[in-house]
PDB file of N, CA and C in Angstrom:
ATOM      1  N   MET A   1     -42.709  36.271 107.982  1.00  0.00           N
ATOM      2  CA  MET A   1     -41.370  35.811 107.968  1.00  0.00           C
ATOM      3  C   MET A   1     -41.021  35.453 109.468  1.00  0.00           C
ATOM      4  N   SER A   2     -40.207  34.454 109.680  1.00  0.00           N
ATOM      5  CA  SER A   2     -39.816  34.460 110.880  1.00  0.00           C
ATOM      6  C   SER A   2     -38.416  35.171 111.152  1.00  0.00           C
ATOM      7  N   GLN A   3     -38.334  35.168 112.534  1.00  0.00           N
ATOM      8  CA  GLN A   3     -37.408  36.406 113.320  1.00  0.00           C
ATOM      9  C   GLN A   3     -36.153  35.413 112.890  1.00  0.00           C
ATOM     10  N   PRO A   4     -34.731  36.100 112.993  1.00  0.00           N
ATOM     11  CA  PRO A   4     -33.645  35.281 112.617  1.00  0.00           C
ATOM     12  C   PRO A   4     -33.365  34.950 113.330  1.00  0.00           C
ATOM     13  N   ARG A   5     -32.847  33.632 113.853  1.00  0.00           N
ATOM     14  CA  ARG A   5     -31.725  32.819 114.728  1.00  0.00           C
ATOM     15  C   ARG A   5     -30.705  32.669 114.458  1.00  0.00           C
ATOM     16  N   TRP A   6     -29.758  32.542 115.236  1.00  0.00           N
ATOM     17  CA  TRP A   6     -28.473  32.041 115.298  1.00  0.00           C
ATOM     18  C   TRP A   6     -28.419  30.458 115.086  1.00  0.00           C
ATOM     19  N   ILE A   7     -29.556  29.854 115.233  1.00  0.00           N
ATOM     20  CA  ILE A   7     -29.496  28.405 114.957  1.00  0.00           C
ATOM     21  C   ILE A   7     -30.014  28.182 113.733  1.00  0.00           C
ATOM     22  N   SER A   8     -29.229  28.190 112.701  1.00  0.00           N
ATOM     23  CA  SER A   8     -29.441  28.495 111.371  1.00  0.00           C
ATOM     24  C   SER A   8     -28.066  28.155 110.481  1.00  0.00           C
ATOM     25  N   GLN A   9     -28.538  28.157 109.065  1.00  0.00           N
ATOM     26  CA  GLN A   9     -27.404  27.931 108.424  1.00  0.00           C
ATOM     27  C   GLN A   9     -26.213  29.583 108.181  1.00  0.00           C
ATOM     28  N   GLU A  10     -27.050  30.743 108.124  1.00  0.00           N
ATOM     29  CA  GLU A  10     -26.707  31.943 108.121  1.00  0.00           C
ATOM     30  C   GLU A  10     -25.910  32.255 109.859  1.00  0.00           C
ATOM     31  N   GLY A  11     -26.661  31.623 110.448  1.00  0.00           N
ATOM     32  CA  GLY A  11     -25.476  31.911 111.570  1.00  0.00           C
ATOM     33  C   GLY A  11     -24.690  31.078 111.538  1.00  0.00           C
ATOM     34  N   THR A  12     -24.984  30.116 111.775  1.00  0.00           N
ATOM     35  CA  THR A  12     -23.617  29.245 111.658  1.00  0.00           C
ATOM     36  C   THR A  12     -22.537  29.744 110.503  1.00  0.00           C
ATOM     37  N   ASP A  13     -23.069  30.321 109.508  1.00  0.00           N
ATOM     38  CA  ASP A  13     -21.841  30.809 108.450  1.00  0.00           C
ATOM     39  C   ASP A  13     -21.355  32.355 108.725  1.00  0.00           C
ATOM     40  N   THR A  14     -21.842  32.664 109.390  1.00  0.00           N
ATOM     41  CA  THR A  14     -21.764  34.263 109.967  1.00  0.00           C
ATOM     42  C   THR A  14     -20.762  33.610 111.395  1.00  0.00           C
ATOM     43  N   LEU A  15     -21.189  33.093 112.199  1.00  0.00           N
ATOM     44  CA  LEU A  15     -20.125  32.332 113.482  1.00  0.00           C
ATOM     45  C   LEU A  15     -18.851  32.242 112.814  1.00  0.00           C
ATOM     46  N   ASN A  16     -18.998  31.431 111.386  1.00  0.00           N
ATOM     47  CA  ASN A  16     -17.377  30.783 111.098  1.00  0.00           C
ATOM     48  C   ASN A  16     -16.774  31.859 110.596  1.00  0.00           C
ATOM     49  N   HIS A  17     -17.049  32.995 110.091  1.00  0.00           N
ATOM     50  CA  HIS A  17     -16.608  33.824 109.463  1.00  0.00           C
ATOM     51  C   HIS A  17     -16.283  34.997 110.299  1.00  0.00           C
ATOM     52  N   VAL A  18     -16.715  34.982 111.140  1.00  0.00           N
ATOM     53  CA  VAL A  18     -16.502  36.080 112.457  1.00  0.00           C
ATOM     54  C   VAL A  18     -15.219  35.599 112.993  1.00  0.00           C
ATOM     55  N   VAL A  19     -15.173  34.277 113.331  1.00  0.00           N
ATOM     56  CA  VAL A  19     -14.132  33.847 114.265  1.00  0.00           C
ATOM     57  C   VAL A  19     -13.091  33.578 113.144  1.00  0.00           C
ATOM     58  N   SER A  20     -13.296  33.780 111.896  1.00  0.00           N
ATOM     59  CA  SER A  20     -11.902  33.282 111.054  1.00  0.00           C
ATOM     60  C   SER A  20     -11.209  34.369 111.234  1.00  0.00           C
ATOM     61  N   ALA A  21     -12.424  35.511 110.788  1.00  0.00           N
ATOM     62  CA  ALA A  21     -11.648  37.084 111.050  1.00  0.00           C
ATOM     63  C   ALA A  21     -10.802  37.420 111.700  1.00  0.00           C
ATOM     64  N   ARG A  22     -11.881  37.335 113.430  1.00  0.00           N
ATOM     65  CA  ARG A  22     -11.175  37.716 114.249  1.00  0.00           C
ATOM     66  C   ARG A  22      -9.910  36.792 115.115  1.00  0.00           C
ATOM     67  N   ILE A  23     -10.235  35.823 114.812  1.00  0.00           N
ATOM     68  CA  ILE A  23      -9.049  34.732 115.529  1.00  0.00           C
ATOM     69  C   ILE A  23      -8.079  34.291 114.289  1.00  0.00           C
ATOM     70  N   PRO A  24      -7.569  34.968 113.303  1.00  0.00           N
ATOM     71  CA  PRO A  24      -6.605  33.877 112.314  1.00  0.00           C
ATOM     72  C   PRO A  24      -5.939  33.088 112.787  1.00  0.00           C
ATOM     73  N   GLN A  25      -5.551  32.944 113.991  1.00  0.00           N
ATOM     74  CA  GLN A  25      -4.553  31.965 114.357  1.00  0.00           C
ATOM     75  C   GLN A  25      -5.390  30.886 114.854  1.00  0.00           C
ATOM     76  N   TRP A  26      -6.574  30.387 114.715  1.00  0.00           N
ATOM     77  CA  TRP A  26      -7.246  29.305 114.766  1.00  0.00           C
ATOM     78  C   TRP A  26      -7.548  29.039 113.272  1.00  0.00           C
ATOM     79  N   GLU A  27      -6.508  27.921 112.903  1.00  0.00           N
ATOM     80  CA  GLU A  27      -6.675  27.931 111.429  1.00  0.00           C
ATOM     81  C   GLU A  27      -7.805  26.981 111.266  1.00  0.00           C
ATOM     82  N   LEU A  28      -7.955  26.003 111.972  1.00  0.00           N
ATOM     83  CA  LEU A  28      -8.876  25.024 112.163  1.00  0.00           C
ATOM     84  C   LEU A  28     -10.648  25.406 112.592  1.00  0.00           C
ATOM     85  N   GLY A  29     -10.593  26.423 113.064  1.00  0.00           N
ATOM     86  CA  GLY A  29     -11.620  27.226 113.389  1.00  0.00           C
ATOM     87  C   GLY A  29     -12.246  26.215 114.821  1.00  0.00           C
ATOM     88  N   LEU A  30     -13.094  26.336 114.831  1.00  0.00           N
ATOM     89  CA  LEU A  30     -14.023  25.826 116.184  1.00  0.00           C
ATOM     90  C   LEU A  30     -14.199  24.212 116.090  1.00  0.00           C
ATOM     91  N   TRP A  31     -13.992  23.818 117.496  1.00  0.00           N
ATOM     92  CA  TRP A  31     -14.634  22.555 117.410  1.00  0.00           C
ATOM     93  C   TRP A  31     -15.836  22.343 117.263  1.00  0.00           C
ATOM     94  N   ASP A  32     -16.093  20.688 116.747  1.00  0.00           N
ATOM     95  CA  ASP A  32     -17.747  20.752 116.402  1.00  0.00           C
ATOM     96  C   ASP A  32     -18.715  21.078 117.543  1.00  0.00           C
ATOM     97  N   PHE A  33     -18.449  20.482 118.710  1.00  0.00           N
ATOM     98  CA  PHE A  33     -19.248  21.069 119.492  1.00  0.00           C
ATOM     99  C   PHE A  33     -19.064  22.459 120.249  1.00  0.00           C
ATOM    100  N   GLN A  34     -18.565  23.386 120.063  1.00  0.00           N
ATOM    101  CA  GLN A  34     -18.193  24.975 120.282  1.00  0.00           C
ATOM    102  C   GLN A  34     -19.268  25.334 119.032  1.00  0.00           C
ATOM    103  N   ARG A  35     -18.894  24.744 117.408  1.00  0.00           N
ATOM    104  CA  ARG A  35     -19.776  25.265 116.812  1.00  0.00           C
ATOM    105  C   ARG A  35     -21.555  24.976 116.849  1.00  0.00           C
ATOM    106  N   GLU A  36     -21.694  23.794 117.152  1.00  0.00           N
ATOM    107  CA  GLU A  36     -22.905  23.458 117.760  1.00  0.00           C
ATOM    108  C   GLU A  36     -23.490  24.233 118.926  1.00  0.00           C
ATOM    109  N   TRP A  37     -22.690  24.462 120.341  1.00  0.00           N
ATOM    110  CA  TRP A  37     -23.086  25.288 121.446  1.00  0.00           C
ATOM    111  C   TRP A  37     -23.534  26.648 121.385  1.00  0.00           C
ATOM    112  N   ILE A  38     -22.211  27.629 120.368  1.00  0.00           N
ATOM    113  CA  ILE A  38     -22.195  28.803 120.135  1.00  0.00           C
ATOM    114  C   ILE A  38     -23.716  29.458 120.102  1.00  0.00           C
ATOM    115  N   PRO A  39     -24.184  28.825 118.924  1.00  0.00           N
ATOM    116  CA  PRO A  39     -25.495  29.584 118.808  1.00  0.00           C
ATOM    117  C   PRO A  39     -26.587  29.372 119.677  1.00  0.00           C
ATOM    118  N   LEU A  40     -26.500  28.637 120.712  1.00  0.00           N
ATOM    119  CA  LEU A  40     -27.317  28.489 121.553  1.00  0.00           C
ATOM    120  C   LEU A  40     -27.349  29.861 122.539  1.00  0.00           C
ATOM    121  N   VAL A  41     -26.162  30.027 122.625  1.00  0.00           N
ATOM    122  CA  VAL A  41     -25.923  31.070 123.476  1.00  0.00           C
ATOM    123  C   VAL A  41     -25.949  32.466 122.947  1.00  0.00           C
ATOM    124  N   LEU A  42     -25.714  32.353 121.800  1.00  0.00           N
ATOM    125  CA  LEU A  42     -26.208  33.612 120.903  1.00  0.00           C
ATOM    126  C   LEU A  42     -27.577  33.947 120.590  1.00  0.00           C
ATOM    127  N   ASP A  43     -28.395  32.280 120.836  1.00  0.00           N
ATOM    128  CA  ASP A  43     -29.908  32.665 120.792  1.00  0.00           C
ATOM    129  C   ASP A  43     -30.668  33.279 122.309  1.00  0.00           C
ATOM    130  N   CYS A  44     -29.558  33.105 123.242  1.00  0.00           N
ATOM    131  CA  CYS A  44     -30.168  33.523 124.822  1.00  0.00           C
ATOM    132  C   CYS A  44     -31.038  32.125 125.290  1.00  0.00           C
ATOM    133  N   GLN A  45     -30.115  31.059 125.075  1.00  0.00           N
ATOM    134  CA  GLN A  45     -30.875  29.722 125.158  1.00  0.00           C
ATOM    135  C   GLN A  45     -29.767  29.124 126.613  1.00  0.00           C
ATOM    136  N   ASN A  46     -30.433  28.603 127.535  1.00  0.00           N
ATOM    137  CA  ASN A  46     -29.440  27.860 128.301  1.00  0.00           C
ATOM    138  C   ASN A  46     -28.991  27.195 128.438  1.00  0.00           C
ATOM    139  N   LEU A  47     -27.742  26.740 128.716  1.00  0.00           N
ATOM    140  CA  LEU A  47     -26.336  25.598 128.600  1.00  0.00           C
ATOM    141  C   LEU A  47     -25.482  25.884 129.916  1.00  0.00           C
ATOM    142  N   VAL A  48     -25.669  24.261 130.012  1.00  0.00           N
ATOM    143  CA  VAL A  48     -24.610  23.927 130.822  1.00  0.00           C
ATOM    144  C   VAL A  48     -23.825  22.879 130.372  1.00  0.00           C
ATOM    145  N   ALA A  49     -22.348  22.987 130.155  1.00  0.00           N
ATOM    146  CA  ALA A  49     -21.410  22.224 129.493  1.00  0.00           C
ATOM    147  C   ALA A  49     -20.731  21.657 130.624  1.00  0.00           C
ATOM    148  N   PHE A  50     -20.281  20.042 130.136  1.00  0.00           N
ATOM    149  CA  PHE A  50     -19.274  19.401 131.148  1.00  0.00           C
ATOM    150  C   PHE A  50     -18.417  19.252 130.022  1.00  0.00           C
ATOM    151  N   THR A  51     -17.215  19.160 129.753  1.00  0.00           N
ATOM    152  CA  THR A  51     -15.858  18.541 129.405  1.00  0.00           C
ATOM    153  C   THR A  51     -14.808  18.707 130.172  1.00  0.00           C
ATOM    154  N   ALA A  52     -13.840  17.651 129.501  1.00  0.00           N
ATOM    155  CA  ALA A  52     -12.489  18.046 130.310  1.00  0.00           C
ATOM    156  C   ALA A  52     -11.838  19.288 130.401  1.00  0.00           C
ATOM    157  N   THR A  53     -11.442  19.219 130.994  1.00  0.00           N
ATOM    158  CA  THR A  53     -10.276  20.095 131.393  1.00  0.00           C
ATOM    159  C   THR A  53      -9.179  20.725 130.332  1.00  0.00           C
ATOM    160  N   GLY A  54      -9.547  21.921 129.486  1.00  0.00           N
ATOM    161  CA  GLY A  54      -8.488  22.303 128.609  1.00  0.00           C
ATOM    162  C   GLY A  54      -9.472  21.736 127.032  1.00  0.00           C
ATOM    163  N   ASP A  55     -10.735  21.474 127.027  1.00  0.00           N
ATOM    164  CA  ASP A  55     -11.457  20.961 125.746  1.00  0.00           C
ATOM    165  C   ASP A  55     -11.954  22.254 124.907  1.00  0.00           C
ATOM    166  N   GLY A  56     -11.880  23.660 125.704  1.00  0.00           N
ATOM    167  CA  GLY A  56     -12.545  24.786 124.866  1.00  0.00           C
ATOM    168  C   GLY A  56     -13.531  25.365 125.565  1.00  0.00           C
ATOM    169  N   LYS A  57     -13.979  25.168 126.767  1.00  0.00           N
ATOM    170  CA  LYS A  57     -15.226  25.558 127.264  1.00  0.00           C
ATOM    171  C   LYS A  57     -15.015  27.126 127.717  1.00  0.00           C
ATOM    172  N   SER A  58     -14.356  27.736 127.955  1.00  0.00           N
ATOM    173  CA  SER A  58     -14.069  29.204 127.839  1.00  0.00           C
ATOM    174  C   SER A  58     -14.516  30.096 126.710  1.00  0.00           C
ATOM    175  N   VAL A  59     -14.401  29.262 125.329  1.00  0.00           N
ATOM    176  CA  VAL A  59     -14.501  29.429 124.425  1.00  0.00           C
ATOM    177  C   VAL A  59     -16.296  29.783 124.134  1.00  0.00           C
ATOM    178  N   LEU A  60     -16.921  29.282 124.699  1.00  0.00           N
ATOM    179  CA  LEU A  60     -18.536  29.368 124.699  1.00  0.00           C
ATOM    180  C   LEU A  60     -19.165  30.748 125.278  1.00  0.00           C
ATOM    181  N   PHE A  61     -18.326  31.553 126.032  1.00  0.00           N
ATOM    182  CA  PHE A  61     -18.977  32.432 126.396  1.00  0.00           C
ATOM    183  C   PHE A  61     -17.994  33.464 125.631  1.00  0.00           C
ATOM    184  N   LEU A  62     -16.534  33.587 125.468  1.00  0.00           N
ATOM    185  CA  LEU A  62     -15.632  34.213 124.603  1.00  0.00           C
ATOM    186  C   LEU A  62     -16.223  35.004 123.220  1.00  0.00           C
ATOM    187  N   VAL A  63     -16.026  33.804 122.518  1.00  0.00           N
ATOM    188  CA  VAL A  63     -16.892  34.183 120.831  1.00  0.00           C
ATOM    189  C   VAL A  63     -17.912  34.648 121.178  1.00  0.00           C
ATOM    190  N   PRO A  64     -18.989  34.660 121.969  1.00  0.00           N
ATOM    191  CA  PRO A  64     -19.937  35.137 121.540  1.00  0.00           C
ATOM    192  C   PRO A  64     -19.919  36.747 121.944  1.00  0.00           C
ATOM    193  N   ILE A  65     -18.986  36.858 123.078  1.00  0.00           N
ATOM    194  CA  ILE A  65     -18.680  38.364 123.200  1.00  0.00           C
ATOM    195  C   ILE A  65     -18.122  38.997 121.675  1.00  0.00           C
ATOM    196  N   LEU A  66     -16.991  38.592 121.048  1.00  0.00           N
ATOM    197  CA  LEU A  66     -16.493  38.949 120.246  1.00  0.00           C
ATOM    198  C   LEU A  66     -17.224  38.773 118.759  1.00  0.00           C
ATOM    199  N   ILE A  67     -18.575  38.219 118.877  1.00  0.00           N
ATOM    200  CA  ILE A  67     -19.530  37.985 117.692  1.00  0.00           C
ATOM    201  C   ILE A  67     -20.251  39.397 117.885  1.00  0.00           C
ATOM    202  N   HIS A  68     -20.523  39.705 119.504  1.00  0.00           N
ATOM    203  CA  HIS A  68     -21.135  41.073 119.307  1.00  0.00           C
ATOM    204  C   HIS A  68     -20.196  41.870 118.890  1.00  0.00           C
ATOM    205  N   LEU A  69     -19.308  41.950 119.308  1.00  0.00           N
ATOM    206  CA  LEU A  69     -18.448  43.224 119.360  1.00  0.00           C
ATOM    207  C   LEU A  69     -18.404  43.901 117.785  1.00  0.00           C
ATOM    208  N   LYS A  70     -18.056  42.399 117.083  1.00  0.00           N
ATOM    209  CA  LYS A  70     -17.978  42.812 115.758  1.00  0.00           C
ATOM    210  C   LYS A  70     -19.313  43.004 114.981  1.00  0.00           C
ATOM    211  N   LEU A  71     -20.367  42.527 115.328  1.00  0.00           N
ATOM    212  CA  LEU A  71     -21.673  42.924 114.822  1.00  0.00           C
ATOM    213  C   LEU A  71     -22.294  44.192 115.016  1.00  0.00           C
ATOM    214  N   SER A  72     -22.032  44.507 116.638  1.00  0.00           N
ATOM    215  CA  SER A  72     -22.335  45.978 116.695  1.00  0.00           C
ATOM    216  C   SER A  72     -21.647  46.809 115.917  1.00  0.00           C
ATOM    217  N   THR A  73     -20.575  46.523 115.271  1.00  0.00           N
ATOM    218  CA  THR A  73     -19.653  48.150 114.674  1.00  0.00           C
ATOM    219  C   THR A  73     -20.883  47.944 113.337  1.00  0.00           C
ATOM    220  N   ASN A  74     -21.584  46.986 112.706  1.00  0.00           N
ATOM    221  CA  ASN A  74     -21.925  47.491 111.786  1.00  0.00           C
ATOM    222  C   ASN A  74     -23.304  46.618 111.803  1.00  0.00           C
ATOM    223  N   PRO A  75     -23.962  46.536 112.419  1.00  0.00           N
ATOM    224  CA  PRO A  75     -25.403  45.527 112.550  1.00  0.00           C
ATOM    225  C   PRO A  75     -26.439  45.403 111.010  1.00  0.00           C
ATOM    226  N   LEU A  76     -26.171  46.630 110.155  1.00  0.00           N
ATOM    227  CA  LEU A  76     -26.971  46.522 108.672  1.00  0.00           C
ATOM    228  C   LEU A  76     -26.216  45.570 107.709  1.00  0.00           C
ATOM    229  N   GLN A  77     -25.298  45.032 108.399  1.00  0.00           N
ATOM    230  CA  GLN A  77     -24.412  44.119 107.193  1.00  0.00           C
ATOM    231  C   GLN A  77     -24.877  42.781 107.846  1.00  0.00           C
ATOM    232  N   TYR A  78     -25.533  42.599 109.201  1.00  0.00           N
ATOM    233  CA  TYR A  78     -25.538  41.125 109.702  1.00  0.00           C
ATOM    234  C   TYR A  78     -27.346  41.125 109.964  1.00  0.00           C
ATOM    235  N   THR A  79     -28.082  41.437 109.047  1.00  0.00           N
ATOM    236  CA  THR A  79     -29.610  41.185 109.070  1.00  0.00           C
ATOM    237  C   THR A  79     -29.584  39.902 109.447  1.00  0.00           C
ATOM    238  N   GLN A  80     -29.278  38.953 109.176  1.00  0.00           N
ATOM    239  CA  GLN A  80     -29.686  37.648 108.934  1.00  0.00           C
ATOM    240  C   GLN A  80     -29.563  36.785 110.152  1.00  0.00           C
ATOM    241  N   VAL A  81     -29.087  37.590 111.125  1.00  0.00           N
ATOM    242  CA  VAL A  81     -28.896  37.308 112.816  1.00  0.00           C
ATOM    243  C   VAL A  81     -28.937  37.976 113.266  1.00  0.00           C
ATOM    244  N   PRO A  82     -29.781  37.598 114.549  1.00  0.00           N
ATOM    245  CA  PRO A  82     -30.021  38.859 115.457  1.00  0.00           C
ATOM    246  C   PRO A  82     -28.777  39.444 116.321  1.00  0.00           C
ATOM    247  N   VAL A  83     -28.780  41.080 116.294  1.00  0.00           N
ATOM    248  CA  VAL A  83     -27.515  41.727 116.907  1.00  0.00           C
ATOM    249  C   VAL A  83     -28.059  42.041 117.767  1.00  0.00           C
ATOM    250  N   GLN A  84     -27.461  41.837 119.305  1.00  0.00           N
ATOM    251  CA  GLN A  84     -27.378  42.353 120.138  1.00  0.00           C
ATOM    252  C   GLN A  84     -26.799  43.621 120.817  1.00  0.00           C
ATOM    253  N   HIS A  85     -27.693  45.250 120.727  1.00  0.00           N
ATOM    254  CA  HIS A  85     -26.767  46.226 120.485  1.00  0.00           C
ATOM    255  C   HIS A  85     -26.516  46.750 122.160  1.00  0.00           C
ATOM    256  N   GLN A  86     -25.401  47.061 122.464  1.00  0.00           N
ATOM    257  CA  GLN A  86     -24.695  47.317 124.050  1.00  0.00           C
ATOM    258  C   GLN A  86     -24.993  45.938 124.495  1.00  0.00           C
ATOM    259  N   ALA A  87     -24.630  44.863 124.053  1.00  0.00           N
ATOM    260  CA  ALA A  87     -24.410  43.893 124.807  1.00  0.00           C
ATOM    261  C   ALA A  87     -23.831  43.592 126.110  1.00  0.00           C
ATOM    262  N   VAL A  88     -23.730  43.122 127.175  1.00  0.00           N
ATOM    263  CA  VAL A  88     -23.070  42.851 128.507  1.00  0.00           C
ATOM    264  C   VAL A  88     -22.826  41.506 128.939  1.00  0.00           C
ATOM    265  N   ALA A  89     -21.566  41.615 128.950  1.00  0.00           N
ATOM    266  CA  ALA A  89     -21.564  40.037 129.828  1.00  0.00           C
ATOM    267  C   ALA A  89     -20.960  40.056 130.839  1.00  0.00           C
ATOM    268  N   MET A  90     -21.714  39.166 131.806  1.00  0.00           N
ATOM    269  CA  MET A  90     -20.728  39.097 133.186  1.00  0.00           C
ATOM    270  C   MET A  90     -20.467  37.233 133.042  1.00  0.00           C
ATOM    271  N   VAL A  91     -19.079  37.053 133.545  1.00  0.00           N
ATOM    272  CA  VAL A  91     -18.891  36.063 134.166  1.00  0.00           C
ATOM    273  C   VAL A  91     -18.232  35.870 135.413  1.00  0.00           C
ATOM    274  N   ILE A  92     -18.959  34.972 135.874  1.00  0.00           N
ATOM    275  CA  ILE A  92     -18.666  34.401 137.363  1.00  0.00           C
ATOM    276  C   ILE A  92     -17.871  33.434 137.497  1.00  0.00           C
ATOM    277  N   THR A  93     -17.202  32.950 138.515  1.00  0.00           N
ATOM    278  CA  THR A  93     -16.327  31.943 138.868  1.00  0.00           C
ATOM    279  C   THR A  93     -15.970  31.812 139.860  1.00  0.00           C
ATOM    280  N   PRO A  94     -15.989  30.408 140.475  1.00  0.00           N
ATOM    281  CA  PRO A  94     -15.863  29.952 141.477  1.00  0.00           C
ATOM    282  C   PRO A  94     -14.037  30.016 142.112  1.00  0.00           C
ATOM    283  N   THR A  95     -14.119  30.367 143.543  1.00  0.00           N
ATOM    284  CA  THR A  95     -12.901  30.545 144.018  1.00  0.00           C
ATOM    285  C   THR A  95     -12.600  29.691 145.335  1.00  0.00           C
ATOM    286  N   ARG A  96     -11.367  29.581 145.907  1.00  0.00           N
ATOM    287  CA  ARG A  96     -11.012  28.747 146.719  1.00  0.00           C
ATOM    288  C   ARG A  96     -11.014  29.392 148.052  1.00  0.00           C
ATOM    289  N   GLY A  97     -11.768  28.704 149.456  1.00  0.00           N
ATOM    290  CA  GLY A  97     -11.151  29.036 150.579  1.00  0.00           C
ATOM    291  C   GLY A  97     -12.298  30.345 151.055  1.00  0.00           C
TER     292      GLY A  97
END
């Protein structure tokens, strides 16, 4: 049996479920590019994203944090996708001057 991955139908379904449950204000859910790229991040693949200001790039690191927080509370419920126990996120932003 192959190892579970986020780049799968089960991964997409889990992603959509967690986003709609954790962020109900987003009635339309994720944008197409976010839905395509977030599984890459969750599968620990490198990603460089270039989009316009305000397009939603921050979601590419914020949603995986929410996903890991949700899944770590009940990992046995999510056996179809990899769960990172005690996941750590580090955000580095440039400064001016």
